[in-house]
């Protein structure tokens, strides 16, 4: 199925309204997370697992050089912590 959709301002971003026939065909439901990826010809939108459905291996496989954060120093212990 192909549809021409109008991009509209939603808060500080932009959004589209997915037609119900497309949403039903892809089992899209309110609250579902989607991954949006830019490609050469435009964007790709696909359903994304929720955090609750990940296991540790899945989450570790998502770490890349681009999204890993550095250690954050929080200072010296203030109580009886063992460091």
N, C-alpha and C. Protein backbone atom coordinates (compact mmCIF):
# COMPACT_ATOMS: atom_id res chain seq x y z
N UNK A 1 0.83 -1.18 0.00
CA UNK A 1 0.00 0.00 0.00
C UNK A 1 0.87 1.24 0.00
N UNK A 2 0.46 2.25 -0.70
CA UNK A 2 1.16 3.52 -0.72
C UNK A 2 0.18 4.62 -0.37
N UNK A 3 0.62 5.60 0.40
CA UNK A 3 -0.24 6.72 0.78
C UNK A 3 0.58 8.00 0.72
N UNK A 4 -0.06 9.09 0.36
CA UNK A 4 0.56 10.41 0.41
C UNK A 4 0.10 11.04 1.72
N UNK A 5 1.05 11.34 2.60
CA UNK A 5 0.73 11.87 3.91
C UNK A 5 1.31 13.27 4.08
N UNK A 6 0.61 14.12 4.79
CA UNK A 6 1.06 15.47 5.06
C UNK A 6 1.80 15.51 6.39
N UNK A 7 3.00 16.05 6.38
CA UNK A 7 3.78 16.23 7.61
C UNK A 7 3.22 17.44 8.34
N UNK A 8 2.96 17.28 9.64
CA UNK A 8 2.39 18.36 10.44
C UNK A 8 3.25 18.60 11.67
N UNK A 9 3.20 19.82 12.17
CA UNK A 9 3.95 20.17 13.38
C UNK A 9 3.24 19.54 14.59
N UNK A 10 4.00 18.83 15.41
CA UNK A 10 3.52 18.24 16.65
C UNK A 10 4.48 18.67 17.74
N UNK A 11 4.08 19.59 18.58
CA UNK A 11 4.98 20.10 19.62
C UNK A 11 6.19 20.75 18.98
N UNK A 12 7.39 20.32 19.39
CA UNK A 12 8.62 20.86 18.81
C UNK A 12 9.10 20.05 17.63
N UNK A 13 8.37 19.00 17.26
CA UNK A 13 8.79 18.13 16.17
C UNK A 13 7.78 18.12 15.04
N UNK A 14 7.92 17.12 14.20
CA UNK A 14 7.02 16.91 13.07
C UNK A 14 6.45 15.51 13.15
N UNK A 15 5.27 15.30 12.60
CA UNK A 15 4.67 13.98 12.64
C UNK A 15 3.79 13.71 11.44
N UNK A 16 3.44 12.44 11.27
CA UNK A 16 2.50 12.02 10.25
C UNK A 16 1.44 11.17 10.92
N UNK A 17 0.28 11.10 10.32
CA UNK A 17 -0.80 10.26 10.80
C UNK A 17 -0.80 9.00 9.94
N UNK A 18 -0.55 7.84 10.56
CA UNK A 18 -0.48 6.58 9.83
C UNK A 18 -1.91 6.09 9.61
N UNK A 19 -2.31 5.86 8.36
CA UNK A 19 -3.66 5.38 8.09
C UNK A 19 -3.95 4.07 8.82
N UNK A 20 -5.19 3.89 9.27
CA UNK A 20 -5.54 2.70 10.06
C UNK A 20 -5.31 1.41 9.28
N UNK A 21 -5.53 1.41 7.98
CA UNK A 21 -5.32 0.19 7.21
C UNK A 21 -3.84 -0.24 7.27
N UNK A 22 -2.94 0.71 7.26
CA UNK A 22 -1.51 0.41 7.36
C UNK A 22 -1.18 -0.03 8.78
N UNK A 23 -1.68 0.70 9.77
CA UNK A 23 -1.43 0.36 11.17
C UNK A 23 -1.93 -1.04 11.49
N UNK A 24 -3.12 -1.37 11.03
CA UNK A 24 -3.68 -2.70 11.30
C UNK A 24 -2.87 -3.79 10.61
N UNK A 25 -2.46 -3.54 9.37
CA UNK A 25 -1.70 -4.53 8.62
C UNK A 25 -0.35 -4.83 9.27
N UNK A 26 0.24 -3.82 9.90
CA UNK A 26 1.56 -3.98 10.54
C UNK A 26 1.46 -4.20 12.05
N UNK A 27 0.24 -4.34 12.56
CA UNK A 27 0.00 -4.53 14.01
C UNK A 27 0.58 -3.38 14.83
N UNK A 28 0.46 -2.16 14.31
CA UNK A 28 0.92 -0.98 15.05
C UNK A 28 -0.19 -0.56 16.00
N UNK A 29 0.19 -0.24 17.23
CA UNK A 29 -0.78 0.16 18.24
C UNK A 29 -0.25 1.38 18.98
N UNK A 30 -1.16 2.12 19.58
CA UNK A 30 -0.78 3.28 20.37
C UNK A 30 0.20 2.86 21.46
N UNK A 31 1.26 3.63 21.64
CA UNK A 31 2.26 3.35 22.66
C UNK A 31 3.41 2.50 22.18
N UNK A 32 3.28 1.89 21.00
CA UNK A 32 4.37 1.09 20.44
C UNK A 32 5.53 2.00 20.04
N UNK A 33 6.73 1.57 20.28
CA UNK A 33 7.90 2.32 19.86
C UNK A 33 8.29 1.91 18.44
N UNK A 34 8.78 2.86 17.67
CA UNK A 34 9.27 2.58 16.33
C UNK A 34 10.68 3.14 16.20
N UNK A 35 11.45 2.52 15.33
CA UNK A 35 12.78 3.00 15.00
C UNK A 35 12.68 3.75 13.68
N UNK A 36 13.21 4.97 13.64
CA UNK A 36 13.23 5.77 12.41
C UNK A 36 14.68 5.87 11.97
N UNK A 37 14.96 5.42 10.76
CA UNK A 37 16.31 5.46 10.22
C UNK A 37 16.32 6.22 8.90
N UNK A 38 17.27 7.11 8.77
CA UNK A 38 17.46 7.84 7.52
C UNK A 38 18.21 6.95 6.55
N UNK A 39 17.79 6.94 5.30
CA UNK A 39 18.54 6.22 4.28
C UNK A 39 18.74 7.13 3.07
N UNK A 40 19.31 6.63 2.00
CA UNK A 40 19.58 7.46 0.83
C UNK A 40 18.33 8.09 0.23
N UNK A 41 17.24 7.35 0.26
CA UNK A 41 16.02 7.81 -0.42
C UNK A 41 15.00 8.46 0.49
N UNK A 42 15.20 8.43 1.77
CA UNK A 42 14.23 9.01 2.70
C UNK A 42 14.39 8.43 4.08
N UNK A 43 13.29 7.94 4.65
CA UNK A 43 13.33 7.36 5.98
C UNK A 43 12.66 5.99 5.98
N UNK A 44 13.06 5.17 6.92
CA UNK A 44 12.46 3.86 7.14
C UNK A 44 11.92 3.86 8.57
N UNK A 45 10.68 3.41 8.75
CA UNK A 45 10.06 3.33 10.08
C UNK A 45 9.69 1.87 10.31
N UNK A 46 10.18 1.31 11.41
CA UNK A 46 9.84 -0.08 11.72
C UNK A 46 9.57 -0.24 13.20
N UNK A 47 8.69 -1.17 13.58
CA UNK A 47 8.39 -1.39 15.00
C UNK A 47 9.66 -1.75 15.77
N UNK A 48 9.74 -1.28 17.00
CA UNK A 48 10.90 -1.52 17.86
C UNK A 48 10.44 -2.20 19.13
N UNK A 49 11.21 -3.16 19.60
CA UNK A 49 10.89 -3.82 20.87
C UNK A 49 10.90 -2.79 21.99
N UNK A 50 10.09 -3.02 23.00
CA UNK A 50 10.14 -2.17 24.19
C UNK A 50 11.29 -2.66 25.08
N UNK A 51 11.73 -1.82 25.96
CA UNK A 51 12.82 -2.16 26.87
C UNK A 51 12.49 -3.45 27.64
N UNK A 52 11.24 -3.62 28.03
CA UNK A 52 10.85 -4.79 28.82
C UNK A 52 11.04 -6.09 28.05
N UNK A 53 11.05 -6.03 26.72
CA UNK A 53 11.17 -7.26 25.95
C UNK A 53 12.61 -7.57 25.55
N UNK A 54 13.56 -6.73 25.96
CA UNK A 54 14.97 -6.99 25.67
C UNK A 54 15.58 -7.90 26.73
N UNK A 55 16.61 -8.61 26.33
CA UNK A 55 17.42 -9.29 27.32
C UNK A 55 18.80 -8.63 27.29
N UNK A 56 19.65 -8.98 28.22
CA UNK A 56 20.94 -8.32 28.34
C UNK A 56 21.76 -8.42 27.05
N UNK A 57 21.75 -9.56 26.40
CA UNK A 57 22.52 -9.73 25.16
C UNK A 57 22.01 -8.78 24.08
N UNK A 58 20.69 -8.65 23.94
CA UNK A 58 20.11 -7.71 22.97
C UNK A 58 20.58 -6.29 23.25
N UNK A 59 20.53 -5.89 24.52
CA UNK A 59 20.90 -4.52 24.88
C UNK A 59 22.39 -4.28 24.64
N UNK A 60 23.24 -5.22 24.99
CA UNK A 60 24.68 -5.05 24.77
C UNK A 60 25.01 -4.98 23.29
N UNK A 61 24.26 -5.70 22.45
CA UNK A 61 24.48 -5.67 21.01
C UNK A 61 24.12 -4.32 20.39
N UNK A 62 23.33 -3.51 21.11
CA UNK A 62 22.94 -2.19 20.61
C UNK A 62 24.02 -1.13 20.87
N UNK A 63 25.03 -1.43 21.70
CA UNK A 63 26.08 -0.46 22.02
C UNK A 63 27.03 -0.32 20.85
N UNK A 64 27.27 0.92 20.45
CA UNK A 64 28.21 1.22 19.37
C UNK A 64 29.17 2.30 19.83
N UNK A 65 30.20 2.56 19.05
CA UNK A 65 31.12 3.66 19.37
C UNK A 65 30.40 5.00 19.37
N UNK A 66 29.30 5.12 18.62
CA UNK A 66 28.57 6.38 18.53
C UNK A 66 27.63 6.63 19.69
N UNK A 67 27.19 5.58 20.40
CA UNK A 67 26.21 5.82 21.46
C UNK A 67 26.72 5.46 22.87
N UNK A 68 27.94 4.98 22.98
CA UNK A 68 28.46 4.63 24.30
C UNK A 68 28.86 5.91 25.04
N UNK A 69 28.60 5.96 26.32
CA UNK A 69 28.97 7.15 27.09
C UNK A 69 30.23 6.86 27.90
N UNK A 70 30.86 7.92 28.31
CA UNK A 70 32.09 7.81 29.10
C UNK A 70 31.73 7.75 30.58
N UNK A 71 32.67 7.28 31.39
CA UNK A 71 32.46 7.22 32.83
C UNK A 71 32.21 8.62 33.37
N UNK A 72 31.37 8.71 34.38
CA UNK A 72 31.06 9.99 35.01
C UNK A 72 31.58 9.94 36.43
N UNK A 73 32.46 10.87 36.78
CA UNK A 73 33.02 10.95 38.13
C UNK A 73 32.03 11.67 39.02
N UNK A 74 31.65 11.06 40.12
CA UNK A 74 30.68 11.67 41.03
C UNK A 74 31.30 12.21 42.32
N UNK A 75 32.61 12.15 42.43
CA UNK A 75 33.26 12.67 43.61
C UNK A 75 33.60 11.60 44.63
N UNK A 76 34.10 12.03 45.76
CA UNK A 76 34.50 11.11 46.83
C UNK A 76 33.27 10.58 47.56
N UNK A 77 33.40 9.39 48.19
CA UNK A 77 32.29 8.86 48.99
C UNK A 77 31.92 9.82 50.11
N UNK A 78 30.63 9.93 50.42
CA UNK A 78 30.17 10.84 51.46
C UNK A 78 29.77 10.10 52.73
N UNK A 79 29.54 8.80 52.63
CA UNK A 79 29.10 8.04 53.78
C UNK A 79 30.01 6.86 54.02
N UNK A 80 29.44 5.70 54.19
CA UNK A 80 30.20 4.50 54.48
C UNK A 80 30.36 3.59 53.26
N UNK A 81 30.27 4.20 52.05
CA UNK A 81 30.40 3.39 50.85
C UNK A 81 31.79 2.77 50.77
N UNK A 82 31.87 1.58 50.21
CA UNK A 82 33.16 0.94 49.99
C UNK A 82 33.51 1.06 48.52
N UNK A 83 34.54 1.80 48.19
CA UNK A 83 34.94 1.98 46.79
C UNK A 83 36.23 1.31 46.59
